[in-house]
């Protein structure tokens, strides 16, 4: 190779080779086409909440543990057995009750049950919160107060002894507290227990003024004691008459209420009742009716009387009416009608 050829070779341009190499590199960096995935599809675990006919062939429906199934089975068996026992006992008691021939007047039973009366009713009254209902009713008593069917004196602790001037629930000036207290009941044994309770609550108070008296007497013939206020017709009246759980044991509750209305102060006097009787519901009334003879024979109480009908028939004016415990507990605030003035 001569000098001329050697120079040409030395100065020969190299850019085509560079471009060629860059082209090769670009081809190497170009993305390759992806091959289709060969992995099998992921099988989804069937849900327990999936309905029948779900496209997943592995779905077998909801499952329950053996322990839970055993517990539910034993619970159902126990509940059904207990319900059967209750029904059998109820049917047996109904048959016995309906076979009894009980007179309407069962008030003499309290002469026998008086020593254990408080213990028998304590639990049920606490469960029904009767203490607060008694207290709310007795709080309305004022002036010269008569309580009929006083029993063993379950209302004694709620009376506000001693008359004073104050403000009533409406914010108006009023005479509050009890000026005199008179307690009557048909059962001498009940009256004796009530008198002992009062002496324990208020030692020596009976000998002070205002007077407190206890008498064994029929509410339908009770008279106004000396010292009660005189009305416009010069007749003595009571300002408040209280009766709790008494209409159920009276031989003639309508006549008794009418008599109490006659000795209540016509303008501002009130008759305060807390009673138990028929319910709002027919199914419960059927139970009360079926077991009423046995209950009356044992406790001296007709618990299926319609208190609302008795009050309506008495002719007294209803100031307030409330009911609780499926409608079996009745509260009334009554007063004599204006025509009786």
C-alpha atoms as a PDB file:
ATOM      1  CA  UNK A   1       0.000   0.000   0.000  1.00  0.00           C
ATOM      2  CA  UNK A   2       1.465   3.312  -1.096  1.00  0.00           C
ATOM      3  CA  UNK A   3       1.390   6.461   0.906  1.00  0.00           C
ATOM      4  CA  UNK A   4      -1.667   7.782  -0.843  1.00  0.00           C
ATOM      5  CA  UNK A   5      -3.766   4.741  -0.075  1.00  0.00           C
ATOM      6  CA  UNK A   6      -2.570   4.734   3.509  1.00  0.00           C
ATOM      7  CA  UNK A   7      -3.700   8.350   4.001  1.00  0.00           C
ATOM      8  CA  UNK A   8      -7.113   7.679   2.533  1.00  0.00           C
ATOM      9  CA  UNK A   9      -7.592   4.773   4.845  1.00  0.00           C
ATOM     10  CA  UNK A  10      -6.579   6.905   7.817  1.00  0.00           C
ATOM     11  CA  UNK A  11      -8.965   9.714   6.993  1.00  0.00           C
ATOM     12  CA  UNK A  12     -11.905   7.470   6.008  1.00  0.00           C
ATOM     13  CA  UNK A  13     -15.100   8.736   7.919  1.00  0.00           C
ATOM     14  CA  UNK A  14     -16.338   6.510  10.697  1.00  0.00           C
ATOM     15  CA  UNK A  15     -19.839   7.955  11.207  1.00  0.00           C
ATOM     16  CA  UNK A  16     -21.748   5.233   9.291  1.00  0.00           C
ATOM     17  CA  UNK A  17     -20.348   2.628  11.635  1.00  0.00           C
ATOM     18  CA  UNK A  18     -21.363   4.667  14.674  1.00  0.00           C
ATOM     19  CA  UNK A  19     -24.874   5.039  13.345  1.00  0.00           C
ATOM     20  CA  UNK A  20     -25.001   1.342  12.603  1.00  0.00           C
ATOM     21  CA  UNK A  21     -23.918   0.508  16.146  1.00  0.00           C
ATOM     22  CA  UNK A  22     -26.516   2.893  17.600  1.00  0.00           C
ATOM     23  CA  UNK A  23     -29.182   1.241  15.478  1.00  0.00           C
ATOM     24  CA  UNK A  24     -28.216  -2.117  16.826  1.00  0.00           C
ATOM     25  CA  UNK A  25     -28.383  -0.776  20.407  1.00  0.00           C
ATOM     26  CA  UNK A  26     -31.825   0.744  19.809  1.00  0.00           C
ATOM     27  CA  UNK A  27     -33.045  -2.533  18.446  1.00  0.00           C
ATOM     28  CA  UNK A  28     -31.729  -4.291  21.546  1.00  0.00           C
ATOM     29  CA  UNK A  29     -33.539  -1.807  23.828  1.00  0.00           C
ATOM     30  CA  UNK A  30     -36.883  -2.056  21.989  1.00  0.00           C
ATOM     31  CA  UNK A  31     -39.624  -3.768  24.073  1.00  0.00           C
ATOM     32  CA  UNK A  32     -40.142  -7.352  23.286  1.00  0.00           C
ATOM     33  CA  UNK A  33     -43.681  -8.648  22.741  1.00  0.00           C
ATOM     34  CA  UNK A  34     -45.125 -10.288  25.883  1.00  0.00           C
ATOM     35  CA  UNK A  35     -45.873 -13.922  25.808  1.00  0.00           C
ATOM     36  CA  UNK A  36     -49.295 -15.047  27.007  1.00  0.00           C
ATOM     37  CA  UNK A  37     -49.277 -16.091  30.700  1.00  0.00           C
ATOM     38  CA  UNK A  38     -49.169 -19.785  31.236  1.00  0.00           C
ATOM     39  CA  UNK A  39     -50.214 -19.652  34.950  1.00  0.00           C
ATOM     40  CA  UNK A  40     -53.592 -21.244  35.825  1.00  0.00           C
ATOM     41  CA  UNK A  41     -56.407 -18.898  37.015  1.00  0.00           C
ATOM     42  CA  UNK A  42     -56.614 -18.294  40.790  1.00  0.00           C
ATOM     43  CA  UNK A  43     -59.626 -20.025  42.278  1.00  0.00           C
ATOM     44  CA  UNK A  44     -61.689 -17.697  44.601  1.00  0.00           C
ATOM     45  CA  UNK A  45     -62.704 -19.073  47.996  1.00  0.00           C
ATOM     46  CA  UNK A  46     -66.534 -19.216  48.158  1.00  0.00           C
ATOM     47  CA  UNK A  47     -68.205 -16.930  50.720  1.00  0.00           C
ATOM     48  CA  UNK A  48     -70.549 -18.353  53.343  1.00  0.00           C
ATOM     49  CA  UNK A  49     -73.097 -15.723  52.431  1.00  0.00           C
ATOM     50  CA  UNK A  50     -73.290 -16.764  48.789  1.00  0.00           C
ATOM     51  CA  UNK A  51     -76.729 -17.999  47.773  1.00  0.00           C
ATOM     52  CA  UNK A  52     -77.499 -21.318  46.236  1.00  0.00           C
ATOM     53  CA  UNK A  53     -76.807 -21.654  42.549  1.00  0.00           C
ATOM     54  CA  UNK A  54     -73.584 -19.659  42.762  1.00  0.00           C
ATOM     55  CA  UNK A  55     -71.362 -20.317  39.708  1.00  0.00           C
ATOM     56  CA  UNK A  56     -68.551 -21.539  41.963  1.00  0.00           C
ATOM     57  CA  UNK A  57     -68.912 -25.354  41.994  1.00  0.00           C
ATOM     58  CA  UNK A  58     -66.954 -25.585  45.282  1.00  0.00           C
ATOM     59  CA  UNK A  59     -69.585 -23.608  47.280  1.00  0.00           C
ATOM     60  CA  UNK A  60     -71.320 -25.856  49.837  1.00  0.00           C
ATOM     61  CA  UNK A  61     -73.399 -23.294  51.777  1.00  0.00           C
ATOM     62  CA  UNK A  62     -73.036 -21.871  55.303  1.00  0.00           C
ATOM     63  CA  UNK A  63     -71.698 -24.087  58.005  1.00  0.00           C
ATOM     64  CA  UNK A  64     -72.309 -24.201  61.811  1.00  0.00           C
ATOM     65  CA  UNK A  65     -69.981 -25.535  64.424  1.00  0.00           C
ATOM     66  CA  UNK A  66     -71.074 -28.729  66.218  1.00  0.00           C
ATOM     67  CA  UNK A  67     -70.813 -27.032  69.613  1.00  0.00           C
ATOM     68  CA  UNK A  68     -73.176 -24.263  68.584  1.00  0.00           C
ATOM     69  CA  UNK A  69     -75.650 -26.748  67.146  1.00  0.00           C
ATOM     70  CA  UNK A  70     -75.565 -28.753  70.389  1.00  0.00           C
ATOM     71  CA  UNK A  71     -76.075 -25.646  72.523  1.00  0.00           C
ATOM     72  CA  UNK A  72     -79.024 -24.455  70.418  1.00  0.00           C
ATOM     73  CA  UNK A  73     -80.616 -27.875  70.495  1.00  0.00           C
ATOM     74  CA  UNK A  74     -80.367 -28.131  74.278  1.00  0.00           C
ATOM     75  CA  UNK A  75     -81.704 -24.564  74.668  1.00  0.00           C
ATOM     76  CA  UNK A  76     -84.725 -25.243  72.480  1.00  0.00           C
ATOM     77  CA  UNK A  77     -85.423 -28.467  74.354  1.00  0.00           C
ATOM     78  CA  UNK A  78     -85.156 -26.756  77.736  1.00  0.00           C
ATOM     79  CA  UNK A  79     -87.386 -23.819  76.774  1.00  0.00           C
ATOM     80  CA  UNK A  80     -90.031 -26.066  75.240  1.00  0.00           C
ATOM     81  CA  UNK A  81     -90.021 -28.311  78.320  1.00  0.00           C
ATOM     82  CA  UNK A  82     -90.401 -25.325  80.652  1.00  0.00           C
ATOM     83  CA  UNK A  83     -93.233 -23.883  78.559  1.00  0.00           C
ATOM     84  CA  UNK A  84     -94.954 -27.235  78.651  1.00  0.00           C
ATOM     85  CA  UNK A  85     -94.593 -27.347  82.424  1.00  0.00           C
ATOM     86  CA  UNK A  86     -96.051 -23.836  82.763  1.00  0.00           C
ATOM     87  CA  UNK A  87     -98.987 -24.687  80.543  1.00  0.00           C
ATOM     88  CA  UNK A  88     -99.698 -27.890  82.451  1.00  0.00           C
ATOM     89  CA  UNK A  89     -99.500 -26.036  85.782  1.00  0.00           C
ATOM     90  CA  UNK A  90    -101.724 -23.239  84.481  1.00  0.00           C
ATOM     91  CA  UNK A  91    -104.317 -25.723  83.184  1.00  0.00           C
ATOM     92  CA  UNK A  92    -104.328 -27.535  86.512  1.00  0.00           C
ATOM     93  CA  UNK A  93    -104.777 -24.271  88.461  1.00  0.00           C
ATOM     94  CA  UNK A  94    -107.576 -23.146  86.134  1.00  0.00           C
ATOM     95  CA  UNK A  95    -109.435 -26.402  86.692  1.00  0.00           C
ATOM     96  CA  UNK A  96    -109.130 -26.037  90.463  1.00  0.00           C
ATOM     97  CA  UNK A  97    -110.105 -22.373  90.355  1.00  0.00           C
ATOM     98  CA  UNK A  98    -113.195 -22.884  88.241  1.00  0.00           C
ATOM     99  CA  UNK A  99    -114.401 -25.640  90.566  1.00  0.00           C
ATOM    100  CA  UNK A 100    -114.491 -23.258  93.549  1.00  0.00           C
ATOM    101  CA  UNK A 101    -117.677 -21.566  94.699  1.00  0.00           C
ATOM    102  CA  UNK A 102    -116.446 -18.269  96.170  1.00  0.00           C
ATOM    103  CA  UNK A 103    -118.780 -15.549  97.511  1.00  0.00           C
ATOM    104  CA  UNK A 104    -118.436 -11.968  96.333  1.00  0.00           C
ATOM    105  CA  UNK A 105    -117.445 -10.750  99.787  1.00  0.00           C
ATOM    106  CA  UNK A 106    -114.025 -12.209 100.556  1.00  0.00           C
ATOM    107  CA  UNK A 107    -112.822  -9.427 102.864  1.00  0.00           C
ATOM    108  CA  UNK A 108    -112.729 -11.782 105.864  1.00  0.00           C
ATOM    109  CA  UNK A 109    -109.627 -13.465 104.378  1.00  0.00           C
ATOM    110  CA  UNK A 110    -107.534 -10.517 105.554  1.00  0.00           C
ATOM    111  CA  UNK A 111    -108.167 -11.470 109.183  1.00  0.00           C
ATOM    112  CA  UNK A 112    -106.134 -14.609 108.502  1.00  0.00           C
ATOM    113  CA  UNK A 113    -103.495 -13.184 106.147  1.00  0.00           C
ATOM    114  CA  UNK A 114    -102.809  -9.988 108.135  1.00  0.00           C
ATOM    115  CA  UNK A 115     -99.634 -11.277 109.929  1.00  0.00           C
ATOM    116  CA  UNK A 116     -97.990 -12.369 106.654  1.00  0.00           C
ATOM    117  CA  UNK A 117     -99.550  -9.826 104.286  1.00  0.00           C
ATOM    118  CA  UNK A 118     -96.532  -7.515 104.004  1.00  0.00           C
ATOM    119  CA  UNK A 119     -94.144 -10.386 103.317  1.00  0.00           C
ATOM    120  CA  UNK A 120     -96.439 -11.773 100.606  1.00  0.00           C
ATOM    121  CA  UNK A 121     -96.735  -8.527  98.629  1.00  0.00           C
ATOM    122  CA  UNK A 122     -93.294  -7.017  99.263  1.00  0.00           C
ATOM    123  CA  UNK A 123     -91.475  -8.631  96.342  1.00  0.00           C
ATOM    124  CA  UNK A 124     -94.196  -7.992  93.759  1.00  0.00           C
ATOM    125  CA  UNK A 125     -94.609  -4.363  94.823  1.00  0.00           C
ATOM    126  CA  UNK A 126     -90.870  -3.760  94.546  1.00  0.00           C
ATOM    127  CA  UNK A 127     -90.774  -5.325  91.097  1.00  0.00           C
ATOM    128  CA  UNK A 128     -93.663  -3.105  89.964  1.00  0.00           C
ATOM    129  CA  UNK A 129     -92.217  -0.004  91.688  1.00  0.00           C
ATOM    130  CA  UNK A 130     -95.432   0.471  93.625  1.00  0.00           C
ATOM    131  CA  UNK A 131     -93.667   2.364  96.386  1.00  0.00           C
ATOM    132  CA  UNK A 132     -93.038   5.383  94.152  1.00  0.00           C
ATOM    133  CA  UNK A 133     -96.611   5.258  92.849  1.00  0.00           C
ATOM    134  CA  UNK A 134     -97.975   5.220  96.395  1.00  0.00           C
ATOM    135  CA  UNK A 135     -95.735   8.147  97.340  1.00  0.00           C
ATOM    136  CA  UNK A 136     -96.826  10.223  94.327  1.00  0.00           C
ATOM    137  CA  UNK A 137    -100.489   9.653  95.201  1.00  0.00           C
ATOM    138  CA  UNK A 138    -100.214  10.328  98.947  1.00  0.00           C
ATOM    139  CA  UNK A 139     -98.334  13.553  98.198  1.00  0.00           C
ATOM    140  CA  UNK A 140    -101.653  14.968  96.959  1.00  0.00           C
ATOM    141  CA  UNK A 141    -103.399  14.395 100.298  1.00  0.00           C
ATOM    142  CA  UNK A 142    -103.955  17.548 102.386  1.00  0.00           C
ATOM    143  CA  UNK A 143    -106.118  18.932 105.160  1.00  0.00           C
ATOM    144  CA  UNK A 144    -108.391  16.449 106.924  1.00  0.00           C
ATOM    145  CA  UNK A 145    -107.508  13.089 105.398  1.00  0.00           C
ATOM    146  CA  UNK A 146    -109.377   9.784 105.493  1.00  0.00           C
ATOM    147  CA  UNK A 147    -107.768   6.570 104.273  1.00  0.00           C
ATOM    148  CA  UNK A 148    -110.149   3.663 103.775  1.00  0.00           C
ATOM    149  CA  UNK A 149    -109.005   0.068 103.328  1.00  0.00           C
ATOM    150  CA  UNK A 150    -105.767   1.128 105.008  1.00  0.00           C
ATOM    151  CA  UNK A 151    -104.670  -2.505 105.439  1.00  0.00           C
ATOM    152  CA  UNK A 152    -101.379  -2.890 107.270  1.00  0.00           C
ATOM    153  CA  UNK A 153    -100.459   0.749 106.650  1.00  0.00           C
ATOM    154  CA  UNK A 154     -98.289   0.513 103.561  1.00  0.00           C
ATOM    155  CA  UNK A 155     -98.882   4.244 102.867  1.00  0.00           C
ATOM    156  CA  UNK A 156     -98.002   5.556 106.334  1.00  0.00           C
ATOM    157  CA  UNK A 157     -94.443   6.609 105.549  1.00  0.00           C
ATOM    158  CA  UNK A 158     -95.549   8.880 102.689  1.00  0.00           C
ATOM    159  CA  UNK A 159     -97.892  11.198 104.598  1.00  0.00           C
ATOM    160  CA  UNK A 160     -96.809  14.768 105.249  1.00  0.00           C
ATOM    161  CA  UNK A 161     -97.880  15.294 108.858  1.00  0.00           C
ATOM    162  CA  UNK A 162     -98.818  18.782 110.002  1.00  0.00           C
ATOM    163  CA  UNK A 163    -100.647  21.431 108.034  1.00  0.00           C
ATOM    164  CA  UNK A 164     -98.757  24.455 106.690  1.00  0.00           C
ATOM    165  CA  UNK A 165     -98.971  27.113 104.029  1.00  0.00           C
ATOM    166  CA  UNK A 166     -96.932  26.584 100.890  1.00  0.00           C
ATOM    167  CA  UNK A 167     -96.955  26.401  97.094  1.00  0.00           C
ATOM    168  CA  UNK A 168     -98.574  23.589  95.100  1.00  0.00           C
ATOM    169  CA  UNK A 169     -97.277  21.938  91.932  1.00  0.00           C
ATOM    170  CA  UNK A 170     -98.733  24.750  89.805  1.00  0.00           C
ATOM    171  CA  UNK A 171     -96.905  27.415  91.775  1.00  0.00           C
ATOM    172  CA  UNK A 172    -100.023  28.677  93.522  1.00  0.00           C
ATOM    173  CA  UNK A 173    -100.401  29.356  97.221  1.00  0.00           C
ATOM    174  CA  UNK A 174    -102.024  26.406  98.972  1.00  0.00           C
ATOM    175  CA  UNK A 175    -102.444  24.619 102.278  1.00  0.00           C
ATOM    176  CA  UNK A 176    -100.095  21.645 102.373  1.00  0.00           C
ATOM    177  CA  UNK A 177     -99.775  18.710 104.728  1.00  0.00           C
ATOM    178  CA  UNK A 178    -102.337  16.813 106.759  1.00  0.00           C
ATOM    179  CA  UNK A 179    -104.307  18.479 109.547  1.00  0.00           C
ATOM    180  CA  UNK A 180    -105.871  15.222 110.739  1.00  0.00           C
ATOM    181  CA  UNK A 181    -105.524  11.589 109.725  1.00  0.00           C
ATOM    182  CA  UNK A 182    -108.164   8.860 110.012  1.00  0.00           C
ATOM    183  CA  UNK A 183    -107.467   5.254 109.021  1.00  0.00           C
ATOM    184  CA  UNK A 184    -110.231   2.654 108.676  1.00  0.00           C
ATOM    185  CA  UNK A 185    -110.343  -0.954 107.492  1.00  0.00           C
ATOM    186  CA  UNK A 186    -112.773  -3.836 107.782  1.00  0.00           C
ATOM    187  CA  UNK A 187    -110.144  -6.110 109.345  1.00  0.00           C
ATOM    188  CA  UNK A 188    -109.323  -5.380 113.010  1.00  0.00           C
ATOM    189  CA  UNK A 189    -106.103  -7.372 112.627  1.00  0.00           C
ATOM    190  CA  UNK A 190    -104.994  -5.152 109.739  1.00  0.00           C
ATOM    191  CA  UNK A 191    -105.828  -1.979 111.663  1.00  0.00           C
ATOM    192  CA  UNK A 192    -103.826  -3.165 114.683  1.00  0.00           C
ATOM    193  CA  UNK A 193    -100.727  -3.752 112.540  1.00  0.00           C
ATOM    194  CA  UNK A 194    -101.114  -0.333 110.879  1.00  0.00           C
ATOM    195  CA  UNK A 195    -101.375   1.374 114.255  1.00  0.00           C
ATOM    196  CA  UNK A 196     -98.205  -0.339 115.465  1.00  0.00           C
ATOM    197  CA  UNK A 197     -96.364   0.788 112.322  1.00  0.00           C
ATOM    198  CA  UNK A 198     -97.455   4.402 112.810  1.00  0.00           C
ATOM    199  CA  UNK A 199     -96.267   4.419 116.398  1.00  0.00           C
ATOM    200  CA  UNK A 200     -92.897   3.043 115.268  1.00  0.00           C
ATOM    201  CA  UNK A 201     -92.595   5.717 112.560  1.00  0.00           C
ATOM    202  CA  UNK A 202     -93.778   8.614 114.727  1.00  0.00           C
ATOM    203  CA  UNK A 203     -93.313   7.799 118.430  1.00  0.00           C
ATOM    204  CA  UNK A 204     -95.706   9.743 120.631  1.00  0.00           C
ATOM    205  CA  UNK A 205     -97.308  11.574 117.717  1.00  0.00           C
ATOM    206  CA  UNK A 206    -100.799  10.146 118.295  1.00  0.00           C
ATOM    207  CA  UNK A 207    -101.053  11.937 121.625  1.00  0.00           C
ATOM    208  CA  UNK A 208    -100.241  15.272 120.032  1.00  0.00           C
ATOM    209  CA  UNK A 209    -102.272  17.579 117.820  1.00  0.00           C
ATOM    210  CA  UNK A 210    -103.330  17.046 115.050  1.00  0.00           C
ATOM    211  CA  UNK A 211    -105.088  13.827 116.018  1.00  0.00           C
ATOM    212  CA  UNK A 212    -104.523  10.505 114.297  1.00  0.00           C
ATOM    213  CA  UNK A 213    -107.164   7.794 114.710  1.00  0.00           C
ATOM    214  CA  UNK A 214    -107.471   4.146 113.654  1.00  0.00           C
ATOM    215  CA  UNK A 215    -110.822   2.337 113.418  1.00  0.00           C
ATOM    216  CA  UNK A 216    -112.080  -1.042 112.238  1.00  0.00           C
ATOM    217  CA  UNK A 217    -115.003   0.038 110.090  1.00  0.00           C
ATOM    218  CA  UNK A 218    -116.699  -0.505 106.743  1.00  0.00           C
ATOM    219  CA  UNK A 219    -115.732   2.207 104.243  1.00  0.00           C
ATOM    220  CA  UNK A 220    -119.296   2.277 102.935  1.00  0.00           C
ATOM    221  CA  UNK A 221    -120.574   3.544 106.285  1.00  0.00           C
ATOM    222  CA  UNK A 222    -117.655   5.612 107.576  1.00  0.00           C
ATOM    223  CA  UNK A 223    -118.559   8.931 109.201  1.00  0.00           C
ATOM    224  CA  UNK A 224    -116.728  12.222 109.378  1.00  0.00           C
ATOM    225  CA  UNK A 225    -114.785  12.617 112.628  1.00  0.00           C
ATOM    226  CA  UNK A 226    -115.076  15.675 114.824  1.00  0.00           C
ATOM    227  CA  UNK A 227    -112.915  18.598 113.798  1.00  0.00           C
ATOM    228  CA  UNK A 228    -113.392  18.179 110.045  1.00  0.00           C
ATOM    229  CA  UNK A 229    -114.297  21.384 108.156  1.00  0.00           C
ATOM    230  CA  UNK A 230    -117.930  22.391 107.752  1.00  0.00           C
ATOM    231  CA  UNK A 231    -119.317  23.053 104.290  1.00  0.00           C
ATOM    232  CA  UNK A 232    -121.850  25.675 103.211  1.00  0.00           C
ATOM    233  CA  UNK A 233    -124.648  23.292 104.184  1.00  0.00           C
ATOM    234  CA  UNK A 234    -123.172  22.939 107.715  1.00  0.00           C
ATOM    235  CA  UNK A 235    -122.073  19.391 106.944  1.00  0.00           C
ATOM    236  CA  UNK A 236    -118.606  18.111 107.791  1.00  0.00           C
ATOM    237  CA  UNK A 237    -116.376  16.831 104.978  1.00  0.00           C
ATOM    238  CA  UNK A 238    -112.954  15.376 104.369  1.00  0.00           C
ATOM    239  CA  UNK A 239    -110.524  17.308 102.183  1.00  0.00           C
ATOM    240  CA  UNK A 240    -108.841  14.149 100.874  1.00  0.00           C
ATOM    241  CA  UNK A 241    -109.914  10.507 100.843  1.00  0.00           C
ATOM    242  CA  UNK A 242    -107.304   7.881  99.979  1.00  0.00           C
ATOM    243  CA  UNK A 243    -107.819   4.273  98.956  1.00  0.00           C
ATOM    244  CA  UNK A 244    -105.117   1.959  97.605  1.00  0.00           C
ATOM    245  CA  UNK A 245    -105.814  -1.610  96.511  1.00  0.00           C
ATOM    246  CA  UNK A 246    -109.194  -1.659  98.204  1.00  0.00           C
ATOM    247  CA  UNK A 247    -111.905  -1.807  95.510  1.00  0.00           C
ATOM    248  CA  UNK A 248    -110.872  -5.379  94.691  1.00  0.00           C
ATOM    249  CA  UNK A 249    -111.982  -6.684  98.088  1.00  0.00           C
ATOM    250  CA  UNK A 250    -115.175  -4.689  98.680  1.00  0.00           C
ATOM    251  CA  UNK A 251    -118.524  -6.442  98.302  1.00  0.00           C
ATOM    252  CA  UNK A 252    -120.075  -3.359  96.635  1.00  0.00           C
ATOM    253  CA  UNK A 253    -117.350  -1.003  95.354  1.00  0.00           C
ATOM    254  CA  UNK A 254    -119.748   1.279  93.449  1.00  0.00           C
ATOM    255  CA  UNK A 255    -121.844   2.009  96.539  1.00  0.00           C
ATOM    256  CA  UNK A 256    -118.672   2.621  98.539  1.00  0.00           C
ATOM    257  CA  UNK A 257    -117.349   5.166  96.051  1.00  0.00           C
ATOM    258  CA  UNK A 258    -120.668   6.978  96.008  1.00  0.00           C
ATOM    259  CA  UNK A 259    -120.619   7.212  99.786  1.00  0.00           C
ATOM    260  CA  UNK A 260    -117.046   8.529  99.756  1.00  0.00           C
ATOM    261  CA  UNK A 261    -118.129  11.188  97.274  1.00  0.00           C
ATOM    262  CA  UNK A 262    -120.821  12.323  99.688  1.00  0.00           C
ATOM    263  CA  UNK A 263    -118.314  12.958 102.498  1.00  0.00           C
ATOM    264  CA  UNK A 264    -115.700  14.661 100.284  1.00  0.00           C
ATOM    265  CA  UNK A 265    -115.516  18.467 100.336  1.00  0.00           C
ATOM    266  CA  UNK A 266    -117.527  19.490  97.226  1.00  0.00           C
ATOM    267  CA  UNK A 267    -115.397  22.333  95.849  1.00  0.00           C
ATOM    268  CA  UNK A 268    -111.759  21.384  96.411  1.00  0.00           C
ATOM    269  CA  UNK A 269    -111.946  17.874  97.871  1.00  0.00           C
ATOM    270  CA  UNK A 270    -110.334  14.927  96.116  1.00  0.00           C
ATOM    271  CA  UNK A 271    -110.638  11.122  96.191  1.00  0.00           C
ATOM    272  CA  UNK A 272    -107.288   9.466  95.461  1.00  0.00           C
ATOM    273  CA  UNK A 273    -107.307   5.880  94.177  1.00  0.00           C
ATOM    274  CA  UNK A 274    -104.552   3.402  93.331  1.00  0.00           C
ATOM    275  CA  UNK A 275    -106.099   0.077  92.295  1.00  0.00           C
ATOM    276  CA  UNK A 276    -105.469  -3.062  90.284  1.00  0.00           C
ATOM    277  CA  UNK A 277    -107.897  -4.761  87.929  1.00  0.00           C
ATOM    278  CA  UNK A 278    -108.514  -5.644  84.315  1.00  0.00           C
ATOM    279  CA  UNK A 279    -105.921  -5.070  81.607  1.00  0.00           C
ATOM    280  CA  UNK A 280    -105.842  -3.408  78.194  1.00  0.00           C
ATOM    281  CA  UNK A 281    -105.383  -6.855  76.630  1.00  0.00           C
ATOM    282  CA  UNK A 282    -107.958  -9.616  76.277  1.00  0.00           C
ATOM    283  CA  UNK A 283    -105.397 -12.440  76.573  1.00  0.00           C
ATOM    284  CA  UNK A 284    -104.334 -11.159  79.985  1.00  0.00           C
ATOM    285  CA  UNK A 285    -107.938 -10.627  81.059  1.00  0.00           C
ATOM    286  CA  UNK A 286    -108.676 -14.271  80.229  1.00  0.00           C
ATOM    287  CA  UNK A 287    -105.865 -15.352  82.535  1.00  0.00           C
ATOM    288  CA  UNK A 288    -107.169 -13.072  85.306  1.00  0.00           C
ATOM    289  CA  UNK A 289    -110.716 -14.390  84.846  1.00  0.00           C
ATOM    290  CA  UNK A 290    -109.644 -18.035  84.862  1.00  0.00           C
ATOM    291  CA  UNK A 291    -107.646 -17.718  88.085  1.00  0.00           C
ATOM    292  CA  UNK A 292    -109.812 -15.102  89.847  1.00  0.00           C
ATOM    293  CA  UNK A 293    -111.786 -17.515  92.118  1.00  0.00           C
ATOM    294  CA  UNK A 294    -108.624 -19.165  93.477  1.00  0.00           C
ATOM    295  CA  UNK A 295    -106.897 -15.814  93.966  1.00  0.00           C
ATOM    296  CA  UNK A 296    -109.921 -14.356  95.770  1.00  0.00           C
ATOM    297  CA  UNK A 297    -110.181 -17.379  98.031  1.00  0.00           C
ATOM    298  CA  UNK A 298    -106.493 -17.243  98.920  1.00  0.00           C
ATOM    299  CA  UNK A 299    -105.878 -13.491  99.144  1.00  0.00           C
ATOM    300  CA  UNK A 300    -109.338 -11.920  99.531  1.00  0.00           C
ATOM    301  CA  UNK A 301    -109.006  -9.949  96.316  1.00  0.00           C
ATOM    302  CA  UNK A 302    -110.925 -10.044  93.013  1.00  0.00           C
ATOM    303  CA  UNK A 303    -108.118  -9.009  90.698  1.00  0.00           C
ATOM    304  CA  UNK A 304    -110.234  -9.082  87.525  1.00  0.00           C
ATOM    305  CA  UNK A 305    -112.620  -6.213  88.355  1.00  0.00           C
ATOM    306  CA  UNK A 306    -113.068  -3.444  85.777  1.00  0.00           C
ATOM    307  CA  UNK A 307    -111.946  -0.421  87.795  1.00  0.00           C
ATOM    308  CA  UNK A 308    -112.839   1.991  85.013  1.00  0.00           C
ATOM    309  CA  UNK A 309    -116.411   0.725  84.866  1.00  0.00           C
ATOM    310  CA  UNK A 310    -116.730   0.959  88.658  1.00  0.00           C
ATOM    311  CA  UNK A 311    -115.538   4.570  88.673  1.00  0.00           C
ATOM    312  CA  UNK A 312    -117.846   5.493  85.807  1.00  0.00           C
ATOM    313  CA  UNK A 313    -120.853   3.902  87.497  1.00  0.00           C
ATOM    314  CA  UNK A 314    -120.125   5.723  90.756  1.00  0.00           C
ATOM    315  CA  UNK A 315    -120.891   9.059  89.101  1.00  0.00           C
ATOM    316  CA  UNK A 316    -117.762  10.788  90.385  1.00  0.00           C
ATOM    317  CA  UNK A 317    -115.950  13.240  88.142  1.00  0.00           C
ATOM    318  CA  UNK A 318    -112.569  12.087  86.823  1.00  0.00           C
ATOM    319  CA  UNK A 319    -109.816  14.664  87.286  1.00  0.00           C
ATOM    320  CA  UNK A 320    -106.912  12.388  86.344  1.00  0.00           C
ATOM    321  CA  UNK A 321    -106.525   8.827  85.114  1.00  0.00           C
ATOM    322  CA  UNK A 322    -103.344   6.798  84.544  1.00  0.00           C
ATOM    323  CA  UNK A 323    -102.608   3.130  83.969  1.00  0.00           C
ATOM    324  CA  UNK A 324     -99.481   0.953  84.123  1.00  0.00           C
ATOM    325  CA  UNK A 325     -98.422  -2.710  83.939  1.00  0.00           C
ATOM    326  CA  UNK A 326    -100.380  -3.668  80.805  1.00  0.00           C
ATOM    327  CA  UNK A 327    -103.241  -1.565  82.139  1.00  0.00           C
ATOM    328  CA  UNK A 328    -103.758  -3.627  85.317  1.00  0.00           C
ATOM    329  CA  UNK A 329    -102.672  -0.820  87.685  1.00  0.00           C
ATOM    330  CA  UNK A 330    -105.075   2.133  87.808  1.00  0.00           C
ATOM    331  CA  UNK A 331    -104.585   5.580  89.336  1.00  0.00           C
ATOM    332  CA  UNK A 332    -107.498   7.990  89.679  1.00  0.00           C
ATOM    333  CA  UNK A 333    -107.967  11.478  91.074  1.00  0.00           C
ATOM    334  CA  UNK A 334    -111.718  12.008  91.506  1.00  0.00           C
ATOM    335  CA  UNK A 335    -114.017  14.649  92.910  1.00  0.00           C
ATOM    336  CA  UNK A 336    -117.777  15.008  93.503  1.00  0.00           C
ATOM    337  CA  UNK A 337    -119.705  16.269  90.502  1.00  0.00           C
ATOM    338  CA  UNK A 338    -120.857  19.876  90.557  1.00  0.00           C
ATOM    339  CA  UNK A 339    -124.522  18.780  90.705  1.00  0.00           C
ATOM    340  CA  UNK A 340    -123.941  17.338  94.161  1.00  0.00           C
ATOM    341  CA  UNK A 341    -123.042  20.713  95.629  1.00  0.00           C
END
